[in-house]
C-alpha cells in the first residue's frame, strides 16, 4: 500500500514544501515518522504535542530519528521541535493509527530487542 499524504489544509503549505532547510526535508521526515508512531494526521496543537512526545520515546528506545542533517561532514539525528510540527498542522496521511495503549505496546516490543 502506498503512503498518501495531503498538506492542502496546512496554513504554511508553500513553506513546508519549499527547498528551505526547514521546508520539505522536515515535512518528508514527519510524514514517514507519522507512520512510525501510528498517527494519521496532525490536526491540532494536541496532535503536535503527542507527535513530538511519541517520536522522542521512539528515538530514546531505538537510538535515532528519521530527521537528520549534515554537521561537519557527518549525518546527525535531529529531534523534532514543537515549532516544526506546529507548522504542519493540517497534514493528513493514510497511516493506520495506534491509540496510546497500542503505541506503548510497540515501544515495549522495540525495547525488548
Protein backbone atom coordinates (compact mmCIF):
# COMPACT_ATOMS: atom_id res chain seq x y z
CA UNK A 1 0.00 0.00 0.00
CA UNK A 2 1.29 3.46 -0.82
CA UNK A 3 1.79 6.16 1.78
CA UNK A 4 -0.50 9.02 0.75
CA UNK A 5 -0.36 12.47 2.31
CA UNK A 6 -2.01 15.85 1.91
CA UNK A 7 -0.91 19.32 3.04
CA UNK A 8 -3.71 21.38 1.47
CA UNK A 9 -5.10 22.19 4.92
CA UNK A 10 -1.75 23.42 6.26
CA UNK A 11 -1.59 27.19 6.70
CA UNK A 12 2.05 27.27 5.59
CA UNK A 13 1.82 24.76 2.73
CA UNK A 14 4.08 26.76 0.40
CA UNK A 15 6.84 26.94 3.01
CA UNK A 16 6.62 23.33 4.18
CA UNK A 17 7.05 22.14 0.58
CA UNK A 18 9.90 24.56 -0.16
CA UNK A 19 13.62 23.94 -0.58
CA UNK A 20 14.28 25.80 2.67
CA UNK A 21 16.19 23.55 5.15
CA UNK A 22 13.11 23.68 7.39
CA UNK A 23 10.77 23.03 4.45
CA UNK A 24 10.21 19.82 2.53
CA UNK A 25 13.10 17.92 4.18
CA UNK A 26 11.36 18.24 7.56
CA UNK A 27 7.89 17.64 6.06
CA UNK A 28 9.01 14.39 4.45
CA UNK A 29 10.62 13.17 7.68
CA UNK A 30 7.43 14.00 9.62
CA UNK A 31 5.31 12.11 7.09
CA UNK A 32 7.40 8.95 7.50
CA UNK A 33 7.57 9.44 11.27
CA UNK A 34 3.76 9.58 11.44
CA UNK A 35 3.83 6.01 10.16
CA UNK A 36 6.45 5.06 12.77
CA UNK A 37 4.43 6.47 15.68
CA UNK A 38 0.99 5.42 14.43
CA UNK A 39 -0.59 8.81 13.88
CA UNK A 40 -2.75 9.53 10.86
CA UNK A 41 -2.75 13.32 10.99
CA UNK A 42 -1.65 16.50 12.69
CA UNK A 43 -4.90 18.37 13.12
CA UNK A 44 -4.39 20.25 16.40
CA UNK A 45 -1.90 21.50 18.95
CA UNK A 46 -2.59 18.35 20.98
CA UNK A 47 -1.66 16.18 17.98
CA UNK A 48 1.56 18.15 17.51
CA UNK A 49 2.48 17.66 21.16
CA UNK A 50 1.63 13.94 21.03
CA UNK A 51 3.73 13.53 17.87
CA UNK A 52 6.77 15.18 19.49
CA UNK A 53 6.30 13.01 22.59
CA UNK A 54 5.99 9.78 20.61
CA UNK A 55 8.95 10.49 18.35
CA UNK A 56 11.11 11.31 21.38
CA UNK A 57 10.13 8.00 23.00
CA UNK A 58 10.94 6.05 19.83
CA UNK A 59 14.26 7.90 19.39
CA UNK A 60 15.17 7.15 23.00
CA UNK A 61 14.42 3.42 22.60
CA UNK A 62 15.82 2.98 19.11
CA UNK A 63 18.64 5.50 19.26
CA UNK A 64 17.78 7.70 16.30
CA UNK A 65 15.22 9.72 14.37
CA UNK A 66 14.09 9.99 10.78
CA UNK A 67 15.02 13.67 10.75
CA UNK A 68 18.71 14.02 10.03
CA UNK A 69 21.06 16.76 8.94
CA UNK A 70 24.70 17.18 7.94
CA UNK A 71 27.03 18.66 10.56
CA UNK A 72 30.74 18.84 9.94
CA UNK A 73 30.53 16.23 7.18
CA UNK A 74 28.59 13.78 9.38
CA UNK A 75 24.93 12.80 9.31
CA UNK A 76 23.40 13.51 12.72
CA UNK A 77 19.96 12.76 14.12
CA UNK A 78 17.86 15.78 14.94
CA UNK A 79 14.85 15.67 17.25
CA UNK A 80 11.67 17.36 16.08
CA UNK A 81 10.78 20.66 17.68
CA UNK A 82 7.22 21.56 18.55
CA UNK A 83 7.54 24.59 16.23
CA UNK A 84 8.48 22.36 13.26
CA UNK A 85 5.46 20.18 13.89
CA UNK A 86 3.06 23.10 14.52
CA UNK A 87 3.87 24.45 11.05
CA UNK A 88 2.46 21.22 9.66
CA UNK A 89 -0.87 21.17 11.50
CA UNK A 90 -3.38 20.20 8.81
CA UNK A 91 -1.16 17.42 7.39
CA UNK A 92 -3.08 14.18 6.83
CA UNK A 93 -1.96 10.72 5.73
CA UNK A 94 -3.44 7.27 5.20
CA UNK A 95 -1.38 5.79 8.08
CA UNK A 96 -3.10 3.21 10.25
CA UNK A 97 -3.49 4.90 13.66
CA UNK A 98 -2.38 3.47 17.01
CA UNK A 99 -4.01 4.54 20.23
CA UNK A 100 -1.79 5.23 23.26
CA UNK A 101 -2.04 1.64 24.51
CA UNK A 102 -1.07 0.22 21.10
CA UNK A 103 1.82 2.68 20.87
CA UNK A 104 3.04 1.70 24.36
CA UNK A 105 2.96 -1.96 23.30
CA UNK A 106 5.03 -1.14 20.22
CA UNK A 107 7.56 0.74 22.36
CA UNK A 108 7.79 -2.19 24.78
CA UNK A 109 8.43 -4.53 21.85
CA UNK A 110 11.18 -2.27 20.48
CA UNK A 111 12.74 -2.09 23.97
CA UNK A 112 12.90 -5.91 24.20
CA UNK A 113 15.00 -6.21 21.04
